[in-house]
Amino acid sequence: MNDERYSRQRLFAPIGESGQERLNKSHVLIVGMGALGACSAEQLVRAGIGKLTIIDRDYVEMSNLQRQQLYSEKDAREQLPKAVAAKKRLGKINASVEVEARVADCQKEQLEEIVPYVDLILDGTDNFETRLLINDVSQKFKVPWIYGACVGSYGMSYTILPGKTPCLSCLLEQIPMGGATCDTAGVISPVVHMVAAHQVAESMKVLVDDRQSLHHKFVTFDLWKHHYSAFKVSHAKRKACSSCGESPAYPFLSESHRSKTVVLCGRETVQIRPSFGGKRDLLELKEKLPEEHVKYNSFLLTYHDGKHRMVFFADGRVLIHGTKDISKAKSLYHQVVG
């Protein structure tokens, strides 16, 4: 290891030599590589964590570039999956960090495979279905995770320690967290960095084992209106919580909570996850479609019928852009694949 690379970080007393060694041996999972995921990933890689696993279901678009700092115009033109583009960029930032990238819609099977071997989970998602899934798997395997969200100029963050703090399911009964999204109310880049700063700072405290310095509060702020607040939520912990209570059932890990078809958060896009699962042969599909309407790379295939854009992934999923109507999306899907 280059002694100079982390010299300023080692000089910071709460980290020091021993803390840097802990960071170098740590493994972090980031679910979602949009604005928060990309920003947090870069900071953690620069800090010298040992391994980073990233999961994301989407691909780079021009509208991402205003705030998703790991991606370039070239990535957007080539429609690279965010996980792939992020891994490529992160490798150029710090080649000593092992980065594992998964192009996938985060599901129970993947999380239960990965989470037992990580030290921390970071939330970079844009929907509560996935967050509640992360929450349950975090509780099941006793792995800390850090919630984060932002919209407009407003952001929030909260650190969840299984067995000690209220979990996300507990908080949802008392704190309103839904409503506007980046795709309906927009978002400015500075608030992304502010939320990521909270998440990564808390991450580093966990990873260097300085838990007494954790915030222990739910943090919210509005950068445009100069509002900042942090409030205690320890009273929100429920003994009867099905995720973290005395008799946990981890309901969001059950099949009944798994959506096969869903309207993506705030977007005119429907994701269909076919029941066959497994892999899709993109080259075979490419041969069936009019060449002039197809754009293809080794990760995904885009088909434009003139009105709707369909993006097929190798893991079987398809995103149908231009509609929020699930029935219509399914009909368009079957017209293409039969």
Protein backbone atom coordinates (compact mmCIF):
# COMPACT_ATOMS: atom_id res chain seq x y z
CA MET A 1 0.00 0.00 0.00
CA ASN A 2 1.21 3.51 -0.82
CA ASP A 3 1.93 5.09 2.58
CA GLU A 4 1.09 8.55 1.26
CA ARG A 5 -2.31 7.69 -0.16
CA TYR A 6 -4.17 7.62 3.17
CA SER A 7 -1.74 9.78 5.16
CA ARG A 8 -4.22 12.60 5.86
CA GLN A 9 -6.89 10.11 6.85
CA ARG A 10 -4.53 8.31 9.25
CA LEU A 11 -3.66 11.68 10.83
CA PHE A 12 -7.32 12.08 11.78
CA ALA A 13 -7.27 10.79 15.37
CA PRO A 14 -10.59 8.87 15.38
CA ILE A 15 -9.26 6.78 12.47
CA GLY A 16 -5.50 6.59 12.92
CA GLU A 17 -3.38 3.61 11.89
CA SER A 18 -5.68 0.98 13.39
CA GLY A 19 -8.79 2.52 11.85
CA GLN A 20 -7.17 2.64 8.42
CA GLU A 21 -6.30 -1.03 8.75
CA ARG A 22 -9.94 -1.78 9.57
CA LEU A 23 -11.08 0.20 6.53
CA ASN A 24 -8.64 -1.67 4.30
CA LYS A 25 -10.18 -4.97 5.44
CA SER A 26 -13.85 -3.92 5.29
CA HIS A 27 -16.53 -4.98 2.81
CA VAL A 28 -19.45 -2.65 2.01
CA LEU A 29 -22.55 -3.33 -0.06
CA ILE A 30 -24.25 -0.44 -1.86
CA VAL A 31 -27.74 -1.13 -3.21
CA GLY A 32 -28.54 1.32 -5.99
CA MET A 33 -25.93 3.24 -7.99
CA GLY A 34 -27.87 6.40 -8.75
CA ALA A 35 -26.91 9.76 -7.25
CA LEU A 36 -26.43 8.67 -3.63
CA GLY A 37 -24.87 5.32 -4.49
CA ALA A 38 -22.39 6.84 -6.94
CA CYS A 39 -21.35 9.61 -4.55
CA SER A 40 -20.97 7.25 -1.58
CA ALA A 41 -19.10 4.65 -3.63
CA GLU A 42 -16.49 7.16 -4.75
CA GLN A 43 -15.89 8.41 -1.21
CA LEU A 44 -15.56 4.89 0.20
CA VAL A 45 -13.19 3.80 -2.56
CA ARG A 46 -11.04 6.89 -2.04
CA ALA A 47 -11.03 6.11 1.71
CA GLY A 48 -9.51 2.70 0.94
CA ILE A 49 -12.10 0.13 1.92
CA GLY A 50 -11.08 -3.40 1.02
CA LYS A 51 -14.06 -4.48 -1.07
CA LEU A 52 -17.16 -2.80 -2.47
CA THR A 53 -20.10 -4.73 -3.89
CA ILE A 54 -22.58 -2.70 -5.94
CA ILE A 55 -26.00 -3.73 -7.24
CA ASP A 56 -28.09 -1.69 -9.67
CA ARG A 57 -30.89 -2.51 -12.11
CA ASP A 58 -30.70 0.58 -14.32
CA TYR A 59 -28.52 2.04 -17.08
CA VAL A 60 -26.95 5.47 -17.58
CA GLU A 61 -29.10 8.16 -19.21
CA MET A 62 -28.30 11.81 -20.00
CA SER A 63 -30.68 13.02 -17.27
CA ASN A 64 -28.46 11.27 -14.69
CA LEU A 65 -25.33 13.28 -15.45
CA GLN A 66 -26.39 16.43 -13.57
CA ARG A 67 -25.93 14.65 -10.22
CA GLN A 68 -24.56 11.11 -10.70
CA GLN A 69 -20.86 11.88 -10.60
CA LEU A 70 -19.30 8.59 -11.70
CA TYR A 71 -20.87 8.62 -15.16
CA SER A 72 -19.98 10.30 -18.44
CA GLU A 73 -21.73 11.29 -21.67
CA LYS A 74 -20.07 8.28 -23.30
CA ASP A 75 -21.67 5.97 -20.70
CA ALA A 76 -25.07 7.49 -21.49
CA ARG A 77 -24.64 7.22 -25.26
CA GLU A 78 -23.66 3.57 -24.91
CA GLN A 79 -26.46 2.92 -22.38
CA LEU A 80 -24.04 1.16 -20.06
CA PRO A 81 -25.54 -0.40 -16.94
CA LYS A 82 -24.73 1.84 -13.99
CA ALA A 83 -23.03 -0.99 -12.09
CA VAL A 84 -20.70 -1.62 -15.05
CA ALA A 85 -19.91 2.05 -15.66
CA ALA A 86 -19.36 2.62 -11.93
CA LYS A 87 -16.97 -0.30 -11.58
CA LYS A 88 -14.93 0.94 -14.55
CA ARG A 89 -14.64 4.45 -13.10
CA LEU A 90 -13.98 3.31 -9.52
CA GLY A 91 -11.15 1.08 -10.74
CA LYS A 92 -9.43 4.16 -12.16
CA ILE A 93 -9.83 6.02 -8.85
CA ASN A 94 -8.34 3.31 -6.62
CA ALA A 95 -7.15 0.10 -8.24
CA SER A 96 -6.37 -1.49 -4.85
CA VAL A 97 -10.09 -1.72 -3.93
CA GLU A 98 -11.90 -4.83 -5.13
CA VAL A 99 -15.18 -3.80 -6.79
CA GLU A 100 -17.82 -6.42 -7.56
CA ALA A 101 -20.60 -5.17 -9.83
CA ARG A 102 -23.97 -6.85 -10.31
CA VAL A 103 -26.41 -5.70 -12.98
CA ALA A 104 -29.64 -6.84 -11.36
CA ASP A 105 -32.85 -5.90 -9.65
CA CYS A 106 -31.96 -6.38 -5.99
CA GLN A 107 -33.85 -9.39 -4.64
CA LYS A 108 -33.96 -11.58 -1.53
CA GLU A 109 -31.74 -14.32 -3.02
CA GLN A 110 -28.91 -11.93 -3.87
CA LEU A 111 -29.03 -10.15 -0.54
CA GLU A 112 -29.06 -13.39 1.46
CA GLU A 113 -26.05 -14.54 -0.57
CA ILE A 114 -24.03 -11.33 -0.08
CA VAL A 115 -25.05 -9.76 3.24
CA PRO A 116 -23.59 -12.42 5.61
CA TYR A 117 -20.14 -11.48 4.27
CA VAL A 118 -20.37 -7.67 4.41
CA ASP A 119 -19.70 -5.28 7.28
CA LEU A 120 -22.22 -2.64 6.25
CA ILE A 121 -25.03 -1.89 3.78
CA LEU A 122 -25.56 1.55 2.25
CA ASP A 123 -28.91 2.63 0.83
CA GLY A 124 -28.70 4.14 -2.65
CA THR A 125 -32.21 3.12 -3.71
CA ASP A 126 -35.22 5.12 -4.82
CA ASN A 127 -38.09 2.98 -3.50
CA PHE A 128 -39.37 1.61 -0.22
CA GLU A 129 -40.00 -1.92 -1.46
CA THR A 130 -36.24 -2.40 -1.82
CA ARG A 131 -35.46 -0.50 1.39
CA LEU A 132 -37.80 -2.71 3.42
CA LEU A 133 -36.15 -5.75 1.85
CA ILE A 134 -32.73 -4.38 2.89
CA ASN A 135 -34.12 -3.64 6.34
CA ASP A 136 -35.27 -7.23 6.87
CA VAL A 137 -32.09 -8.85 5.59
CA SER A 138 -30.07 -6.45 7.74
CA GLN A 139 -32.02 -7.51 10.81
CA LYS A 140 -31.80 -11.21 9.91
CA PHE A 141 -28.00 -11.19 9.58
CA LYS A 142 -27.31 -8.43 12.16
CA VAL A 143 -25.53 -6.18 9.65
CA PRO A 144 -25.79 -2.38 10.10
CA TRP A 145 -27.28 -0.33 7.28
CA ILE A 146 -27.60 3.38 6.61
CA TYR A 147 -30.75 4.85 5.14
CA GLY A 148 -30.51 7.90 2.90
CA ALA A 149 -32.86 9.83 0.63
CA CYS A 150 -33.08 13.17 -1.11
CA VAL A 151 -35.48 15.12 -3.32
CA GLY A 152 -35.42 18.76 -4.38
CA SER A 153 -33.13 20.39 -1.82
CA TYR A 154 -34.31 18.16 1.02
CA GLY A 155 -32.37 15.20 2.42
CA MET A 156 -32.42 12.73 5.28
CA SER A 157 -30.24 10.01 6.77
CA TYR A 158 -30.45 7.49 9.58
CA THR A 159 -28.14 4.73 10.82
CA ILE A 160 -29.77 1.41 11.76
CA LEU A 161 -27.97 -0.97 14.13
CA PRO A 162 -29.78 -4.31 14.45
CA GLY A 163 -30.68 -5.10 18.04
CA LYS A 164 -30.07 -1.52 19.21
CA THR A 165 -31.93 1.08 17.16
CA PRO A 166 -35.45 1.18 15.73
CA CYS A 167 -35.50 -0.33 12.25
CA LEU A 168 -37.06 1.22 9.15
CA SER A 169 -40.35 -0.62 9.69
CA CYS A 170 -40.57 0.91 13.17
CA LEU A 171 -39.92 4.40 11.83
CA LEU A 172 -42.45 4.17 9.01
CA GLU A 173 -45.22 4.09 11.63
CA GLN A 174 -44.17 7.51 12.95
CA ILE A 175 -42.18 9.37 10.29
CA PRO A 176 -43.67 10.24 6.86
CA MET A 177 -41.04 9.35 4.23
CA GLY A 178 -43.03 9.00 1.01
CA GLY A 179 -44.38 11.63 -1.38
CA ALA A 180 -42.32 13.51 -3.94
CA THR A 181 -39.50 11.89 -5.91
CA CYS A 182 -36.58 13.17 -7.96
CA ASP A 183 -38.59 12.45 -11.11
CA THR A 184 -41.55 14.53 -9.94
CA ALA A 185 -39.94 17.32 -7.89
CA GLY A 186 -36.38 17.27 -9.23
CA VAL A 187 -33.18 17.29 -7.18
CA ILE A 188 -30.08 19.47 -6.92
CA SER A 189 -26.62 17.96 -6.76
CA PRO A 190 -25.50 19.63 -3.49
CA VAL A 191 -28.17 17.84 -1.46
CA VAL A 192 -26.97 14.51 -2.89
CA HIS A 193 -23.48 15.24 -1.60
CA MET A 194 -24.84 16.32 1.78
CA VAL A 195 -26.79 13.09 2.29
CA ALA A 196 -23.86 11.00 1.03
CA ALA A 197 -21.55 12.87 3.43
CA HIS A 198 -23.77 11.84 6.34
CA GLN A 199 -23.99 8.26 5.11
CA VAL A 200 -20.27 7.85 4.49
CA ALA A 201 -19.23 9.54 7.74
CA GLU A 202 -21.52 7.18 9.67
CA SER A 203 -20.19 4.26 7.59
CA MET A 204 -16.62 5.07 8.52
CA LYS A 205 -17.54 5.25 12.21
CA VAL A 206 -19.04 1.77 12.00
CA LEU A 207 -16.14 0.35 10.00
CA VAL A 208 -13.43 1.69 12.34
CA ASP A 209 -15.51 0.53 15.32
CA ASP A 210 -16.15 3.97 16.80
CA ARG A 211 -19.85 3.42 17.42
CA GLN A 212 -20.00 5.82 20.35
CA SER A 213 -19.52 8.62 17.80
CA LEU A 214 -22.55 7.60 15.72
CA HIS A 215 -25.28 10.21 15.41
CA HIS A 216 -28.07 8.07 16.94
CA LYS A 217 -30.65 10.49 15.52
CA PHE A 218 -32.75 10.84 12.39
CA VAL A 219 -31.24 13.73 10.42
CA THR A 220 -33.12 15.95 7.99
CA PHE A 221 -32.14 19.16 6.21
CA ASP A 222 -33.16 21.54 3.45
CA LEU A 223 -30.13 23.17 1.86
CA TRP A 224 -32.16 25.74 -0.06
CA LYS A 225 -34.13 26.92 2.97
CA HIS A 226 -31.27 26.56 5.46
CA HIS A 227 -33.16 24.15 7.70
CA TYR A 228 -31.38 21.41 9.65
CA SER A 229 -32.80 19.13 12.32
CA ALA A 230 -31.89 15.93 14.13
CA PHE A 231 -34.31 14.18 16.42
CA LYS A 232 -34.20 11.16 18.68
CA VAL A 233 -36.17 8.13 17.52
CA SER A 234 -35.29 5.58 20.21
CA HIS A 235 -38.91 5.71 21.43
CA ALA A 236 -40.04 4.39 18.03
CA LYS A 237 -38.58 0.92 18.59
CA ARG A 238 -41.44 -1.61 18.87
CA LYS A 239 -41.28 -4.95 20.65
CA ALA A 240 -43.97 -6.26 18.30
CA CYS A 241 -42.18 -5.14 15.11
CA SER A 242 -42.23 -8.03 12.63
CA SER A 243 -38.78 -7.04 11.37
CA CYS A 244 -36.81 -6.26 14.54
CA GLY A 245 -39.09 -7.12 17.46
CA GLU A 246 -38.99 -9.96 19.96
CA SER A 247 -40.35 -12.50 17.44
CA PRO A 248 -39.19 -11.29 14.01
CA ALA A 249 -40.75 -12.86 10.92
CA TYR A 250 -38.90 -10.74 8.32
CA PRO A 251 -42.07 -10.27 6.22
CA PHE A 252 -40.37 -8.45 3.34
CA LEU A 253 -38.22 -11.50 2.63
CA SER A 254 -41.34 -13.51 1.83
CA GLU A 255 -42.54 -14.27 -1.69
CA SER A 256 -45.82 -12.41 -1.05
CA HIS A 257 -43.98 -9.08 -0.89
CA ARG A 258 -42.17 -9.58 -4.18
CA SER A 259 -43.52 -7.55 -7.10
CA LYS A 260 -43.18 -9.11 -10.54
CA THR A 261 -44.35 -5.92 -12.23
CA VAL A 262 -43.90 -2.43 -10.82
CA VAL A 263 -44.09 1.21 -11.89
CA LEU A 264 -40.66 2.68 -11.21
CA CYS A 265 -40.55 5.44 -8.63
CA GLY A 266 -41.79 8.74 -10.12
CA ARG A 267 -41.20 7.65 -13.72
CA GLU A 268 -43.34 6.78 -16.71
CA THR A 269 -41.69 3.39 -16.73
CA VAL A 270 -42.89 -0.09 -15.88
CA GLN A 271 -40.48 -2.87 -14.95
CA ILE A 272 -41.55 -6.42 -15.72
CA ARG A 273 -39.70 -9.27 -14.10
CA PRO A 274 -40.83 -12.39 -16.04
CA SER A 275 -41.74 -15.47 -14.07
CA PHE A 276 -39.24 -17.64 -15.97
CA GLY A 277 -36.35 -15.90 -14.20
CA GLY A 278 -32.79 -16.64 -15.22
CA LYS A 279 -31.12 -15.30 -18.34
CA ARG A 280 -32.45 -13.84 -21.55
CA ASP A 281 -30.64 -14.46 -24.85
CA LEU A 282 -30.30 -10.89 -26.10
CA LEU A 283 -28.74 -11.92 -29.41
CA GLU A 284 -31.64 -14.25 -30.14
CA LEU A 285 -34.09 -11.43 -29.38
CA LYS A 286 -32.07 -9.05 -31.55
CA GLU A 287 -32.48 -11.35 -34.54
CA LYS A 288 -36.28 -11.25 -34.18
CA LEU A 289 -36.59 -7.45 -34.18
CA PRO A 290 -36.25 -4.86 -37.00
CA GLU A 291 -32.60 -3.85 -37.05
CA GLU A 292 -33.32 -0.15 -37.51
CA HIS A 293 -35.26 -0.05 -34.22
CA VAL A 294 -32.68 -1.87 -32.09
CA LYS A 295 -29.67 -0.70 -30.07
CA TYR A 296 -27.60 -3.44 -28.48
CA ASN A 297 -24.64 -4.00 -26.20
CA SER A 298 -23.56 -7.09 -24.28
CA PHE A 299 -25.61 -6.05 -21.23
CA LEU A 300 -28.92 -4.88 -22.66
CA LEU A 301 -30.99 -4.42 -25.79
CA THR A 302 -33.14 -1.36 -26.53
CA TYR A 303 -36.12 -1.61 -28.88
CA HIS A 304 -38.08 1.50 -29.92
CA ASP A 305 -41.44 0.95 -31.62
CA GLY A 306 -41.87 4.65 -32.38
CA LYS A 307 -43.94 5.37 -29.30
CA HIS A 308 -42.51 3.26 -26.48
CA ARG A 309 -38.95 2.30 -25.64
CA MET A 310 -38.29 -1.17 -24.22
CA VAL A 311 -35.01 -2.07 -22.57
CA PHE A 312 -34.33 -5.80 -22.18
CA PHE A 313 -31.66 -6.99 -19.73
CA ALA A 314 -29.71 -10.23 -19.75
CA ASP A 315 -31.23 -11.19 -16.37
CA GLY A 316 -34.70 -11.36 -17.97
CA ARG A 317 -36.07 -8.00 -16.87
CA VAL A 318 -37.52 -5.39 -19.20
CA LEU A 319 -38.14 -1.68 -18.65
CA ILE A 320 -40.99 -0.25 -20.71
CA HIS A 321 -40.65 3.53 -20.96
CA GLY A 322 -43.53 5.83 -21.83
CA THR A 323 -46.33 4.40 -19.70
CA LYS A 324 -47.42 3.89 -16.10
CA ASP A 325 -50.19 1.51 -17.16
CA ILE A 326 -49.13 -1.98 -16.09
CA SER A 327 -51.71 -3.74 -18.31
CA LYS A 328 -50.56 -1.76 -21.32
CA ALA A 329 -46.91 -2.48 -20.50
CA LYS A 330 -47.60 -6.21 -20.29
CA SER A 331 -49.44 -6.12 -23.61
CA LEU A 332 -46.52 -4.31 -25.30
CA TYR A 333 -44.10 -6.81 -23.78
CA HIS A 334 -46.02 -9.84 -25.11
CA GLN A 335 -46.32 -8.24 -28.54
CA VAL A 336 -42.54 -8.17 -28.75
CA VAL A 337 -41.51 -11.42 -27.09
CA GLY A 338 -44.65 -13.46 -27.81
